Amino acid sequence: MASKTYEIEGRIKAIFDVQTFASGFTKRDFVVTTEEEYPQDVKLECIKDRCSLLDGMAEGDRVLAAFNLRGNEYNGRYFVNLQAWRLAKQDGENAAPAAANTDDVPLEVMDDVQLEDADDAPF
């Protein structure tokens, strides 16, 4: 069964620095605030080469992010991550994808080895 793709639209509230773990695994978190009656602050992450999707983005930019839900268990605790794989600015009539590496192919499901390689981090 193929994984389902989700989208969220809103303004970037925060962009965090790239985190690099001892294994060489990288991730970068960012927060999107939805623009609805009751706005929500939603944290997403980019992993590996997708970290570059945030290059050229700034807080306040209106974006559309495509992401996959990823869930895992680590030492009896359960975690859910929203992994962005496409990020496009929405300001302007002909908004273009924000980075050259924005093909519409979602990342493959993370294998369990990545959890072990991520410096014992549960995410």
PDB file of N, CA and C in Angstrom:
ATOM      1  N   MET A   1       0.844  -1.183   0.000  1.00  0.00           N
ATOM      2  CA  MET A   1       0.000   0.000   0.000  1.00  0.00           C
ATOM      3  C   MET A   1       0.888   1.245   0.000  1.00  0.00           C
ATOM      4  N   ALA A   2       0.618   2.166  -0.875  1.00  0.00           N
ATOM      5  CA  ALA A   2       1.401   3.399  -0.968  1.00  0.00           C
ATOM      6  C   ALA A   2       1.010   4.345   0.160  1.00  0.00           C
ATOM      7  N   SER A   3       1.987   5.121   0.614  1.00  0.00           N
ATOM      8  CA  SER A   3       1.691   6.072   1.681  1.00  0.00           C
ATOM      9  C   SER A   3       0.923   7.257   1.113  1.00  0.00           C
ATOM     10  N   LYS A   4       0.070   7.829   1.922  1.00  0.00           N
ATOM     11  CA  LYS A   4      -0.755   8.961   1.517  1.00  0.00           C
ATOM     12  C   LYS A   4       0.032  10.259   1.696  1.00  0.00           C
ATOM     13  N   THR A   5      -0.163  11.174   0.785  1.00  0.00           N
ATOM     14  CA  THR A   5       0.474  12.480   0.862  1.00  0.00           C
ATOM     15  C   THR A   5      -0.536  13.496   1.403  1.00  0.00           C
ATOM     16  N   TYR A   6      -0.060  14.341   2.295  1.00  0.00           N
ATOM     17  CA  TYR A   6      -0.880  15.394   2.879  1.00  0.00           C
ATOM     18  C   TYR A   6      -0.294  16.742   2.497  1.00  0.00           C
ATOM     19  N   GLU A   7      -1.109  17.790   2.594  1.00  0.00           N
ATOM     20  CA  GLU A   7      -0.632  19.149   2.327  1.00  0.00           C
ATOM     21  C   GLU A   7      -1.117  20.083   3.425  1.00  0.00           C
ATOM     22  N   ILE A   8      -0.322  21.108   3.662  1.00  0.00           N
ATOM     23  CA  ILE A   8      -0.693  22.150   4.611  1.00  0.00           C
ATOM     24  C   ILE A   8      -0.297  23.488   3.994  1.00  0.00           C
ATOM     25  N   GLU A   9      -1.168  24.464   4.160  1.00  0.00           N
ATOM     26  CA  GLU A   9      -0.898  25.797   3.626  1.00  0.00           C
ATOM     27  C   GLU A   9      -0.932  26.791   4.771  1.00  0.00           C
ATOM     28  N   GLY A  10       0.002  27.736   4.746  1.00  0.00           N
ATOM     29  CA  GLY A  10       0.043  28.755   5.785  1.00  0.00           C
ATOM     30  C   GLY A  10       1.302  29.582   5.670  1.00  0.00           C
ATOM     31  N   ARG A  11       1.636  30.263   6.738  1.00  0.00           N
ATOM     32  CA  ARG A  11       2.834  31.114   6.764  1.00  0.00           C
ATOM     33  C   ARG A  11       3.898  30.471   7.637  1.00  0.00           C
ATOM     34  N   ILE A  12       5.139  30.587   7.187  1.00  0.00           N
ATOM     35  CA  ILE A  12       6.241  30.057   7.970  1.00  0.00           C
ATOM     36  C   ILE A  12       6.398  30.919   9.224  1.00  0.00           C
ATOM     37  N   LYS A  13       6.336  30.282  10.363  1.00  0.00           N
ATOM     38  CA  LYS A  13       6.494  30.976  11.641  1.00  0.00           C
ATOM     39  C   LYS A  13       7.940  30.896  12.124  1.00  0.00           C
ATOM     40  N   ALA A  14       8.591  29.759  11.893  1.00  0.00           N
ATOM     41  CA  ALA A  14       9.969  29.568  12.361  1.00  0.00           C
ATOM     42  C   ALA A  14      10.689  28.578  11.457  1.00  0.00           C
ATOM     43  N   ILE A  15      11.970  28.832  11.256  1.00  0.00           N
ATOM     44  CA  ILE A  15      12.857  27.910  10.543  1.00  0.00           C
ATOM     45  C   ILE A  15      14.049  27.676  11.453  1.00  0.00           C
ATOM     46  N   PHE A  16      14.313  26.419  11.757  1.00  0.00           N
ATOM     47  CA  PHE A  16      15.398  26.072  12.668  1.00  0.00           C
ATOM     48  C   PHE A  16      16.634  25.644  11.885  1.00  0.00           C
ATOM     49  N   ASP A  17      17.779  25.644  12.563  1.00  0.00           N
ATOM     50  CA  ASP A  17      19.039  25.252  11.937  1.00  0.00           C
ATOM     51  C   ASP A  17      19.032  23.766  11.602  1.00  0.00           C
ATOM     52  N   VAL A  18      19.873  23.401  10.646  1.00  0.00           N
ATOM     53  CA  VAL A  18      20.057  21.997  10.282  1.00  0.00           C
ATOM     54  C   VAL A  18      20.712  21.275  11.448  1.00  0.00           C
ATOM     55  N   GLN A  19      20.206  20.109  11.791  1.00  0.00           N
ATOM     56  CA  GLN A  19      20.801  19.254  12.818  1.00  0.00           C
ATOM     57  C   GLN A  19      21.515  18.116  12.104  1.00  0.00           C
ATOM     58  N   THR A  20      22.784  17.906  12.443  1.00  0.00           N
ATOM     59  CA  THR A  20      23.550  16.805  11.882  1.00  0.00           C
ATOM     60  C   THR A  20      23.956  15.878  13.013  1.00  0.00           C
ATOM     61  N   PHE A  21      23.644  14.600  12.855  1.00  0.00           N
ATOM     62  CA  PHE A  21      23.933  13.607  13.876  1.00  0.00           C
ATOM     63  C   PHE A  21      25.243  12.898  13.551  1.00  0.00           C
ATOM     64  N   ALA A  22      25.790  12.188  14.517  1.00  0.00           N
ATOM     65  CA  ALA A  22      27.080  11.521  14.376  1.00  0.00           C
ATOM     66  C   ALA A  22      27.118  10.597  13.156  1.00  0.00           C
ATOM     67  N   SER A  23      25.992  10.016  12.800  1.00  0.00           N
ATOM     68  CA  SER A  23      25.928   9.099  11.661  1.00  0.00           C
ATOM     69  C   SER A  23      25.975   9.825  10.319  1.00  0.00           C
ATOM     70  N   GLY A  24      25.827  11.168  10.335  1.00  0.00           N
ATOM     71  CA  GLY A  24      25.758  11.935   9.104  1.00  0.00           C
ATOM     72  C   GLY A  24      24.322  12.248   8.702  1.00  0.00           C
ATOM     73  N   PHE A  25      23.349  11.691   9.406  1.00  0.00           N
ATOM     74  CA  PHE A  25      21.929  11.950   9.166  1.00  0.00           C
ATOM     75  C   PHE A  25      21.644  13.417   9.470  1.00  0.00           C
ATOM     76  N   THR A  26      20.898  14.095   8.596  1.00  0.00           N
ATOM     77  CA  THR A  26      20.557  15.501   8.813  1.00  0.00           C
ATOM     78  C   THR A  26      19.050  15.696   8.779  1.00  0.00           C
ATOM     79  N   LYS A  27      18.607  16.685   9.558  1.00  0.00           N
ATOM     80  CA  LYS A  27      17.200  17.076   9.527  1.00  0.00           C
ATOM     81  C   LYS A  27      17.101  18.557   9.865  1.00  0.00           C
ATOM     82  N   ARG A  28      16.022  19.161   9.405  1.00  0.00           N
ATOM     83  CA  ARG A  28      15.772  20.581   9.663  1.00  0.00           C
ATOM     84  C   ARG A  28      14.285  20.756   9.901  1.00  0.00           C
ATOM     85  N   ASP A  29      13.935  21.368  11.025  1.00  0.00           N
ATOM     86  CA  ASP A  29      12.541  21.584  11.393  1.00  0.00           C
ATOM     87  C   ASP A  29      12.090  22.988  10.999  1.00  0.00           C
ATOM     88  N   PHE A  30      10.792  23.107  10.749  1.00  0.00           N
ATOM     89  CA  PHE A  30      10.187  24.419  10.527  1.00  0.00           C
ATOM     90  C   PHE A  30       8.734  24.359  10.974  1.00  0.00           C
ATOM     91  N   VAL A  31       8.162  25.541  11.235  1.00  0.00           N
ATOM     92  CA  VAL A  31       6.786  25.631  11.731  1.00  0.00           C
ATOM     93  C   VAL A  31       5.967  26.445  10.745  1.00  0.00           C
ATOM     94  N   VAL A  32       4.793  25.910  10.408  1.00  0.00           N
ATOM     95  CA  VAL A  32       3.837  26.601   9.546  1.00  0.00           C
ATOM     96  C   VAL A  32       2.607  26.926  10.378  1.00  0.00           C
ATOM     97  N   THR A  33       2.156  28.178  10.321  1.00  0.00           N
ATOM     98  CA  THR A  33       0.920  28.586  10.986  1.00  0.00           C
ATOM     99  C   THR A  33      -0.186  28.624   9.947  1.00  0.00           C
ATOM    100  N   THR A  34      -1.225  27.829  10.169  1.00  0.00           N
ATOM    101  CA  THR A  34      -2.334  27.781   9.219  1.00  0.00           C
ATOM    102  C   THR A  34      -3.115  29.085   9.274  1.00  0.00           C
ATOM    103  N   GLU A  35      -3.794  29.378   8.183  1.00  0.00           N
ATOM    104  CA  GLU A  35      -4.590  30.606   8.097  1.00  0.00           C
ATOM    105  C   GLU A  35      -6.061  30.220   8.029  1.00  0.00           C
ATOM    106  N   GLU A  36      -6.602  29.888   9.170  1.00  0.00           N
ATOM    107  CA  GLU A  36      -8.000  29.498   9.270  1.00  0.00           C
ATOM    108  C   GLU A  36      -8.603  30.176  10.486  1.00  0.00           C
ATOM    109  N   GLU A  37      -9.849  29.897  10.766  1.00  0.00           N
ATOM    110  CA  GLU A  37     -10.509  30.561  11.885  1.00  0.00           C
ATOM    111  C   GLU A  37      -9.745  30.367  13.194  1.00  0.00           C
ATOM    112  N   TYR A  38      -9.258  29.162  13.423  1.00  0.00           N
ATOM    113  CA  TYR A  38      -8.459  28.861  14.611  1.00  0.00           C
ATOM    114  C   TYR A  38      -7.078  28.392  14.139  1.00  0.00           C
ATOM    115  N   PRO A  39      -6.156  29.339  13.917  1.00  0.00           N
ATOM    116  CA  PRO A  39      -4.836  28.989  13.375  1.00  0.00           C
ATOM    117  C   PRO A  39      -4.104  27.967  14.244  1.00  0.00           C
ATOM    118  N   GLN A  40      -3.381  27.092  13.585  1.00  0.00           N
ATOM    119  CA  GLN A  40      -2.595  26.066  14.249  1.00  0.00           C
ATOM    120  C   GLN A  40      -1.128  26.234  13.875  1.00  0.00           C
ATOM    121  N   ASP A  41      -0.230  26.067  14.833  1.00  0.00           N
ATOM    122  CA  ASP A  41       1.211  26.040  14.570  1.00  0.00           C
ATOM    123  C   ASP A  41       1.603  24.575  14.424  1.00  0.00           C
ATOM    124  N   VAL A  42       2.063  24.205  13.234  1.00  0.00           N
ATOM    125  CA  VAL A  42       2.371  22.813  12.923  1.00  0.00           C
ATOM    126  C   VAL A  42       3.852  22.691  12.588  1.00  0.00           C
ATOM    127  N   LYS A  43       4.559  21.817  13.337  1.00  0.00           N
ATOM    128  CA  LYS A  43       5.987  21.605  13.083  1.00  0.00           C
ATOM    129  C   LYS A  43       6.156  20.478  12.078  1.00  0.00           C
ATOM    130  N   LEU A  44       6.951  20.750  11.049  1.00  0.00           N
ATOM    131  CA  LEU A  44       7.304  19.754  10.049  1.00  0.00           C
ATOM    132  C   LEU A  44       8.816  19.622  10.029  1.00  0.00           C
ATOM    133  N   GLU A  45       9.307  18.587   9.378  1.00  0.00           N
ATOM    134  CA  GLU A  45      10.747  18.409   9.261  1.00  0.00           C
ATOM    135  C   GLU A  45      11.103  18.027   7.836  1.00  0.00           C
ATOM    136  N   CYS A  46      12.301  18.412   7.461  1.00  0.00           N
ATOM    137  CA  CYS A  46      12.905  17.973   6.204  1.00  0.00           C
ATOM    138  C   CYS A  46      14.089  17.102   6.596  1.00  0.00           C
ATOM    139  N   ILE A  47      14.271  15.997   5.900  1.00  0.00           N
ATOM    140  CA  ILE A  47      15.405  15.138   6.221  1.00  0.00           C
ATOM    141  C   ILE A  47      16.310  14.978   5.009  1.00  0.00           C
ATOM    142  N   LYS A  48      17.563  14.674   5.296  1.00  0.00           N
ATOM    143  CA  LYS A  48      18.596  14.418   4.289  1.00  0.00           C
ATOM    144  C   LYS A  48      18.657  15.557   3.287  1.00  0.00           C
ATOM    145  N   ASP A  49      18.638  15.239   1.996  1.00  0.00           N
ATOM    146  CA  ASP A  49      18.795  16.267   0.965  1.00  0.00           C
ATOM    147  C   ASP A  49      17.599  17.217   0.883  1.00  0.00           C
ATOM    148  N   ARG A  50      16.486  16.875   1.508  1.00  0.00           N
ATOM    149  CA  ARG A  50      15.308  17.753   1.489  1.00  0.00           C
ATOM    150  C   ARG A  50      15.477  18.969   2.403  1.00  0.00           C
ATOM    151  N   CYS A  51      16.516  18.995   3.223  1.00  0.00           N
ATOM    152  CA  CYS A  51      16.782  20.173   4.067  1.00  0.00           C
ATOM    153  C   CYS A  51      16.926  21.428   3.222  1.00  0.00           C
ATOM    154  N   SER A  52      17.390  21.261   1.990  1.00  0.00           N
ATOM    155  CA  SER A  52      17.607  22.411   1.107  1.00  0.00           C
ATOM    156  C   SER A  52      16.297  23.050   0.649  1.00  0.00           C
ATOM    157  N   LEU A  53      15.163  22.390   0.861  1.00  0.00           N
ATOM    158  CA  LEU A  53      13.881  22.990   0.496  1.00  0.00           C
ATOM    159  C   LEU A  53      13.652  24.318   1.210  1.00  0.00           C
ATOM    160  N   LEU A  54      14.263  24.474   2.376  1.00  0.00           N
ATOM    161  CA  LEU A  54      14.075  25.692   3.167  1.00  0.00           C
ATOM    162  C   LEU A  54      15.029  26.812   2.769  1.00  0.00           C
ATOM    163  N   ASP A  55      16.010  26.521   1.915  1.00  0.00           N
ATOM    164  CA  ASP A  55      16.920  27.562   1.433  1.00  0.00           C
ATOM    165  C   ASP A  55      16.112  28.596   0.646  1.00  0.00           C
ATOM    166  N   GLY A  56      16.287  29.847   0.945  1.00  0.00           N
ATOM    167  CA  GLY A  56      15.549  30.905   0.257  1.00  0.00           C
ATOM    168  C   GLY A  56      14.186  31.194   0.861  1.00  0.00           C
ATOM    169  N   MET A  57      13.806  30.436   1.875  1.00  0.00           N
ATOM    170  CA  MET A  57      12.543  30.691   2.571  1.00  0.00           C
ATOM    171  C   MET A  57      12.817  31.582   3.774  1.00  0.00           C
ATOM    172  N   ALA A  58      11.806  32.312   4.196  1.00  0.00           N
ATOM    173  CA  ALA A  58      11.954  33.200   5.344  1.00  0.00           C
ATOM    174  C   ALA A  58      10.675  33.163   6.174  1.00  0.00           C
ATOM    175  N   GLU A  59      10.827  33.502   7.442  1.00  0.00           N
ATOM    176  CA  GLU A  59       9.655  33.603   8.299  1.00  0.00           C
ATOM    177  C   GLU A  59       8.692  34.601   7.682  1.00  0.00           C
ATOM    178  N   GLY A  60       7.415  34.266   7.672  1.00  0.00           N
ATOM    179  CA  GLY A  60       6.394  35.120   7.080  1.00  0.00           C
ATOM    180  C   GLY A  60       6.015  34.730   5.661  1.00  0.00           C
ATOM    181  N   ASP A  61       6.837  33.926   4.987  1.00  0.00           N
ATOM    182  CA  ASP A  61       6.498  33.469   3.638  1.00  0.00           C
ATOM    183  C   ASP A  61       5.266  32.578   3.696  1.00  0.00           C
ATOM    184  N   ARG A  62       4.358  32.783   2.753  1.00  0.00           N
ATOM    185  CA  ARG A  62       3.181  31.925   2.633  1.00  0.00           C
ATOM    186  C   ARG A  62       3.583  30.734   1.781  1.00  0.00           C
ATOM    187  N   VAL A  63       3.335  29.513   2.266  1.00  0.00           N
ATOM    188  CA  VAL A  63       3.808  28.313   1.583  1.00  0.00           C
ATOM    189  C   VAL A  63       2.728  27.228   1.538  1.00  0.00           C
ATOM    190  N   LEU A  64       2.952  26.301   0.622  1.00  0.00           N
ATOM    191  CA  LEU A  64       2.200  25.063   0.552  1.00  0.00           C
ATOM    192  C   LEU A  64       3.221  23.949   0.705  1.00  0.00           C
ATOM    193  N   ALA A  65       3.057  23.126   1.736  1.00  0.00           N
ATOM    194  CA  ALA A  65       3.996  22.038   1.998  1.00  0.00           C
ATOM    195  C   ALA A  65       3.291  20.708   1.805  1.00  0.00           C
ATOM    196  N   ALA A  66       3.909  19.824   1.009  1.00  0.00           N
ATOM    197  CA  ALA A  66       3.440  18.451   0.880  1.00  0.00           C
ATOM    198  C   ALA A  66       4.275  17.612   1.839  1.00  0.00           C
ATOM    199  N   PHE A  67       3.624  16.717   2.570  1.00  0.00           N
ATOM    200  CA  PHE A  67       4.355  15.936   3.568  1.00  0.00           C
ATOM    201  C   PHE A  67       3.742  14.554   3.728  1.00  0.00           C
ATOM    202  N   ASN A  68       4.505  13.674   4.327  1.00  0.00           N
ATOM    203  CA  ASN A  68       4.061  12.329   4.671  1.00  0.00           C
ATOM    204  C   ASN A  68       4.063  12.187   6.187  1.00  0.00           C
ATOM    205  N   LEU A  69       3.139  11.399   6.707  1.00  0.00           N
ATOM    206  CA  LEU A  69       3.120  11.072   8.130  1.00  0.00           C
ATOM    207  C   LEU A  69       4.064   9.896   8.361  1.00  0.00           C
ATOM    208  N   ARG A  70       4.887  10.000   9.369  1.00  0.00           N
ATOM    209  CA  ARG A  70       5.792   8.912   9.737  1.00  0.00           C
ATOM    210  C   ARG A  70       5.632   8.651  11.229  1.00  0.00           C
ATOM    211  N   GLY A  71       5.353   7.437  11.586  1.00  0.00           N
ATOM    212  CA  GLY A  71       5.205   7.072  12.983  1.00  0.00           C
ATOM    213  C   GLY A  71       6.157   5.946  13.326  1.00  0.00           C
ATOM    214  N   ASN A  72       6.652   5.967  14.555  1.00  0.00           N
ATOM    215  CA  ASN A  72       7.534   4.887  15.001  1.00  0.00           C
ATOM    216  C   ASN A  72       7.485   4.763  16.516  1.00  0.00           C
ATOM    217  N   GLU A  73       8.002   3.644  16.980  1.00  0.00           N
ATOM    218  CA  GLU A  73       8.100   3.358  18.403  1.00  0.00           C
ATOM    219  C   GLU A  73       9.571   3.293  18.767  1.00  0.00           C
ATOM    220  N   TYR A  74       9.921   3.876  19.891  1.00  0.00           N
ATOM    221  CA  TYR A  74      11.297   3.870  20.360  1.00  0.00           C
ATOM    222  C   TYR A  74      11.273   3.715  21.875  1.00  0.00           C
ATOM    223  N   ASN A  75      11.804   2.626  22.369  1.00  0.00           N
ATOM    224  CA  ASN A  75      11.846   2.351  23.815  1.00  0.00           C
ATOM    225  C   ASN A  75      10.475   2.484  24.479  1.00  0.00           C
ATOM    226  N   GLY A  76       9.441   1.954  23.832  1.00  0.00           N
ATOM    227  CA  GLY A  76       8.105   1.971  24.412  1.00  0.00           C
ATOM    228  C   GLY A  76       7.362   3.279  24.277  1.00  0.00           C
ATOM    229  N   ARG A  77       7.951   4.257  23.604  1.00  0.00           N
ATOM    230  CA  ARG A  77       7.281   5.549  23.361  1.00  0.00           C
ATOM    231  C   ARG A  77       6.993   5.664  21.873  1.00  0.00           C
ATOM    232  N   TYR A  78       5.926   6.340  21.537  1.00  0.00           N
ATOM    233  CA  TYR A  78       5.507   6.467  20.148  1.00  0.00           C
ATOM    234  C   TYR A  78       5.651   7.907  19.676  1.00  0.00           C
ATOM    235  N   PHE A  79       6.116   8.053  18.443  1.00  0.00           N
ATOM    236  CA  PHE A  79       6.386   9.372  17.876  1.00  0.00           C
ATOM    237  C   PHE A  79       5.759   9.478  16.498  1.00  0.00           C
ATOM    238  N   VAL A  80       5.321  10.681  16.159  1.00  0.00           N
ATOM    239  CA  VAL A  80       4.782  10.966  14.836  1.00  0.00           C
ATOM    240  C   VAL A  80       5.551  12.155  14.282  1.00  0.00           C
ATOM    241  N   ASN A  81       6.060  12.021  13.075  1.00  0.00           N
ATOM    242  CA  ASN A  81       6.776  13.106  12.403  1.00  0.00           C
ATOM    243  C   ASN A  81       6.062  13.437  11.106  1.00  0.00           C
ATOM    244  N   LEU A  82       6.060  14.702  10.759  1.00  0.00           N
ATOM    245  CA  LEU A  82       5.520  15.161   9.489  1.00  0.00           C
ATOM    246  C   LEU A  82       6.721  15.506   8.609  1.00  0.00           C
ATOM    247  N   GLN A  83       7.011  14.665   7.622  1.00  0.00           N
ATOM    248  CA  GLN A  83       8.205  14.851   6.797  1.00  0.00           C
ATOM    249  C   GLN A  83       7.838  15.520   5.479  1.00  0.00           C
ATOM    250  N   ALA A  84       8.260  16.774   5.357  1.00  0.00           N
ATOM    251  CA  ALA A  84       7.990  17.538   4.138  1.00  0.00           C
ATOM    252  C   ALA A  84       8.887  17.052   3.012  1.00  0.00           C
ATOM    253  N   TRP A  85       8.309  16.951   1.820  1.00  0.00           N
ATOM    254  CA  TRP A  85       9.103  16.550   0.655  1.00  0.00           C
ATOM    255  C   TRP A  85       8.926  17.510  -0.513  1.00  0.00           C
ATOM    256  N   ARG A  86       7.993  18.465  -0.370  1.00  0.00           N
ATOM    257  CA  ARG A  86       7.855  19.538  -1.359  1.00  0.00           C
ATOM    258  C   ARG A  86       7.416  20.787  -0.619  1.00  0.00           C
ATOM    259  N   LEU A  87       7.983  21.932  -0.989  1.00  0.00           N
ATOM    260  CA  LEU A  87       7.662  23.202  -0.350  1.00  0.00           C
ATOM    261  C   LEU A  87       7.638  24.262  -1.430  1.00  0.00           C
ATOM    262  N   ALA A  88       6.505  24.942  -1.584  1.00  0.00           N
ATOM    263  CA  ALA A  88       6.355  25.952  -2.629  1.00  0.00           C
ATOM    264  C   ALA A  88       5.813  27.239  -2.035  1.00  0.00           C
ATOM    265  N   LYS A  89       6.413  28.354  -2.415  1.00  0.00           N
ATOM    266  CA  LYS A  89       5.897  29.657  -1.998  1.00  0.00           C
ATOM    267  C   LYS A  89       4.563  29.887  -2.677  1.00  0.00           C
ATOM    268  N   GLN A  90       3.637  30.514  -1.960  1.00  0.00           N
ATOM    269  CA  GLN A  90       2.304  30.778  -2.479  1.00  0.00           C
ATOM    270  C   GLN A  90       2.041  32.260  -2.702  1.00  0.00           C
ATOM    271  N   ASP A  91       3.020  33.134  -2.440  1.00  0.00           N
ATOM    272  CA  ASP A  91       2.850  34.559  -2.680  1.00  0.00           C
ATOM    273  C   ASP A  91       3.031  34.820  -4.162  1.00  0.00           C
ATOM    274  N   GLY A  92       2.048  35.430  -4.772  1.00  0.00           N
ATOM    275  CA  GLY A  92       2.133  35.718  -6.201  1.00  0.00           C
ATOM    276  C   GLY A  92       1.242  34.778  -6.991  1.00  0.00           C
ATOM    277  N   GLU A  93       0.892  35.202  -8.202  1.00  0.00           N
ATOM    278  CA  GLU A  93      -0.042  34.431  -9.017  1.00  0.00           C
ATOM    279  C   GLU A  93       0.571  33.144  -9.542  1.00  0.00           C
ATOM    280  N   ASN A  94       1.822  33.186  -9.959  1.00  0.00           N
ATOM    281  CA  ASN A  94       2.472  32.016 -10.528  1.00  0.00           C
ATOM    282  C   ASN A  94       3.583  31.532  -9.616  1.00  0.00           C
ATOM    283  N   ALA A  95       3.210  31.209  -8.407  1.00  0.00           N
ATOM    284  CA  ALA A  95       4.210  30.778  -7.434  1.00  0.00           C
ATOM    285  C   ALA A  95       4.908  29.518  -7.916  1.00  0.00           C
ATOM    286  N   ALA A  96       6.215  29.557  -7.860  1.00  0.00           N
ATOM    287  CA  ALA A  96       7.020  28.425  -8.307  1.00  0.00           C
ATOM    288  C   ALA A  96       7.524  27.650  -7.100  1.00  0.00           C
ATOM    289  N   PRO A  97       7.884  26.377  -7.299  1.00  0.00           N
ATOM    290  CA  PRO A  97       8.493  25.644  -6.194  1.00  0.00           C
ATOM    291  C   PRO A  97       9.703  26.387  -5.663  1.00  0.00           C
ATOM    292  N   ALA A  98       9.943  26.273  -4.387  1.00  0.00           N
ATOM    293  CA  ALA A  98      10.972  27.067  -3.734  1.00  0.00           C
ATOM    294  C   ALA A  98      12.381  26.558  -3.955  1.00  0.00           C
ATOM    295  N   ALA A  99      12.539  25.320  -4.361  1.00  0.00           N
ATOM    296  CA  ALA A  99      13.872  24.772  -4.564  1.00  0.00           C
ATOM    297  C   ALA A  99      13.863  23.878  -5.781  1.00  0.00           C
ATOM    298  N   ALA A 100      15.027  23.696  -6.382  1.00  0.00           N
ATOM    299  CA  ALA A 100      15.131  22.885  -7.580  1.00  0.00           C
ATOM    300  C   ALA A 100      14.813  21.416  -7.300  1.00  0.00           C
ATOM    301  N   ASN A 101      15.046  20.949  -6.100  1.00  0.00           N
ATOM    302  CA  ASN A 101      14.844  19.548  -5.751  1.00  0.00           C
ATOM    303  C   ASN A 101      13.439  19.348  -5.191  1.00  0.00           C
ATOM    304  N   THR A 102      12.410  19.602  -6.032  1.00  0.00           N
ATOM    305  CA  THR A 102      11.038  19.497  -5.549  1.00  0.00           C
ATOM    306  C   THR A 102      10.215  18.546  -6.400  1.00  0.00           C
ATOM    307  N   ASP A 103      10.823  17.492  -6.892  1.00  0.00           N
ATOM    308  CA  ASP A 103      10.059  16.521  -7.656  1.00  0.00           C
ATOM    309  C   ASP A 103       8.951  15.948  -6.779  1.00  0.00           C
ATOM    310  N   ASP A 104       7.916  15.448  -7.412  1.00  0.00           N
ATOM    311  CA  ASP A 104       6.736  15.004  -6.684  1.00  0.00           C
ATOM    312  C   ASP A 104       6.831  13.572  -6.181  1.00  0.00           C
ATOM    313  N   VAL A 105       8.014  13.075  -5.994  1.00  0.00           N
ATOM    314  CA  VAL A 105       8.183  11.716  -5.497  1.00  0.00           C
ATOM    315  C   VAL A 105       8.452  11.773  -4.000  1.00  0.00           C
ATOM    316  N   PRO A 106       7.546  11.208  -3.181  1.00  0.00           N
ATOM    317  CA  PRO A 106       7.773  11.246  -1.735  1.00  0.00           C
ATOM    318  C   PRO A 106       8.977  10.410  -1.344  1.00  0.00           C
ATOM    319  N   LEU A 107       9.545  10.751  -0.193  1.00  0.00           N
ATOM    320  CA  LEU A 107      10.655   9.975   0.331  1.00  0.00           C
ATOM    321  C   LEU A 107      10.193   8.568   0.658  1.00  0.00           C
ATOM    322  N   GLU A 108      11.060   7.607   0.523  1.00  0.00           N
ATOM    323  CA  GLU A 108      10.746   6.234   0.890  1.00  0.00           C
ATOM    324  C   GLU A 108      10.554   6.158   2.408  1.00  0.00           C
ATOM    325  N   VAL A 109       9.858   5.163   2.837  1.00  0.00           N
ATOM    326  CA  VAL A 109       9.632   4.962   4.262  1.00  0.00           C
ATOM    327  C   VAL A 109      10.974   4.794   4.959  1.00  0.00           C
ATOM    328  N   MET A 110      11.157   5.528   6.062  1.00  0.00           N
ATOM    329  CA  MET A 110      12.412   5.426   6.811  1.00  0.00           C
ATOM    330  C   MET A 110      12.562   4.014   7.338  1.00  0.00           C
ATOM    331  N   ASP A 111      13.750   3.446   7.207  1.00  0.00           N
ATOM    332  CA  ASP A 111      13.977   2.136   7.784  1.00  0.00           C
ATOM    333  C   ASP A 111      14.448   2.278   9.225  1.00  0.00           C
ATOM    334  N   ASP A 112      14.338   1.203   9.967  1.00  0.00           N
ATOM    335  CA  ASP A 112      14.656   1.240  11.395  1.00  0.00           C
ATOM    336  C   ASP A 112      16.110   1.602  11.660  1.00  0.00           C
ATOM    337  N   VAL A 113      17.003   1.391  10.700  1.00  0.00           N
ATOM    338  CA  VAL A 113      18.423   1.681  10.897  1.00  0.00           C
ATOM    339  C   VAL A 113      18.637   3.173  11.124  1.00  0.00           C
ATOM    340  N   GLN A 114      17.826   4.016  10.504  1.00  0.00           N
ATOM    341  CA  GLN A 114      18.003   5.449  10.674  1.00  0.00           C
ATOM    342  C   GLN A 114      17.815   5.862  12.120  1.00  0.00           C
ATOM    343  N   LEU A 115      16.907   5.223  12.826  1.00  0.00           N
ATOM    344  CA  LEU A 115      16.727   5.565  14.237  1.00  0.00           C
ATOM    345  C   LEU A 115      17.978   5.259  15.023  1.00  0.00           C
ATOM    346  N   GLU A 116      18.602   4.126  14.748  1.00  0.00           N
ATOM    347  CA  GLU A 116      19.832   3.766  15.460  1.00  0.00           C
ATOM    348  C   GLU A 116      20.965   4.694  15.083  1.00  0.00           C
ATOM    349  N   ASP A 117      20.998   5.130  13.824  1.00  0.00           N
ATOM    350  CA  ASP A 117      22.066   5.989  13.362  1.00  0.00           C
ATOM    351  C   ASP A 117      21.939   7.438  13.822  1.00  0.00           C
ATOM    352  N   ALA A 118      20.765   7.829  14.248  1.00  0.00           N
ATOM    353  CA  ALA A 118      20.505   9.233  14.579  1.00  0.00           C
ATOM    354  C   ALA A 118      20.913   9.556  16.010  1.00  0.00           C
ATOM    355  N   ASP A 119      22.067   9.053  16.430  1.00  0.00           N
ATOM    356  CA  ASP A 119      22.624   9.390  17.732  1.00  0.00           C
ATOM    357  C   ASP A 119      21.643   9.051  18.853  1.00  0.00           C
ATOM    358  N   ASP A 120      20.946   7.922  18.699  1.00  0.00           N
ATOM    359  CA  ASP A 120      19.958   7.447  19.670  1.00  0.00           C
ATOM    360  C   ASP A 120      18.794   8.411  19.851  1.00  0.00           C
ATOM    361  N   ALA A 121      18.576   9.283  18.886  1.00  0.00           N
ATOM    362  CA  ALA A 121      17.434  10.195  18.960  1.00  0.00           C
ATOM    363  C   ALA A 121      16.171   9.431  18.565  1.00  0.00           C
ATOM    364  N   PRO A 122      15.060   9.651  19.237  1.00  0.00           N
ATOM    365  CA  PRO A 122      13.842   8.922  18.929  1.00  0.00           C
ATOM    366  C   PRO A 122      13.113   9.466  17.709  1.00  0.00           C
ATOM    367  N   PHE A 123      13.685  10.415  16.988  1.00  0.00           N
ATOM    368  CA  PHE A 123      13.016  10.975  15.816  1.00  0.00           C
ATOM    369  C   PHE A 123      14.008  11.275  14.745  1.00  0.00           C
TER     370      PHE A 123
END
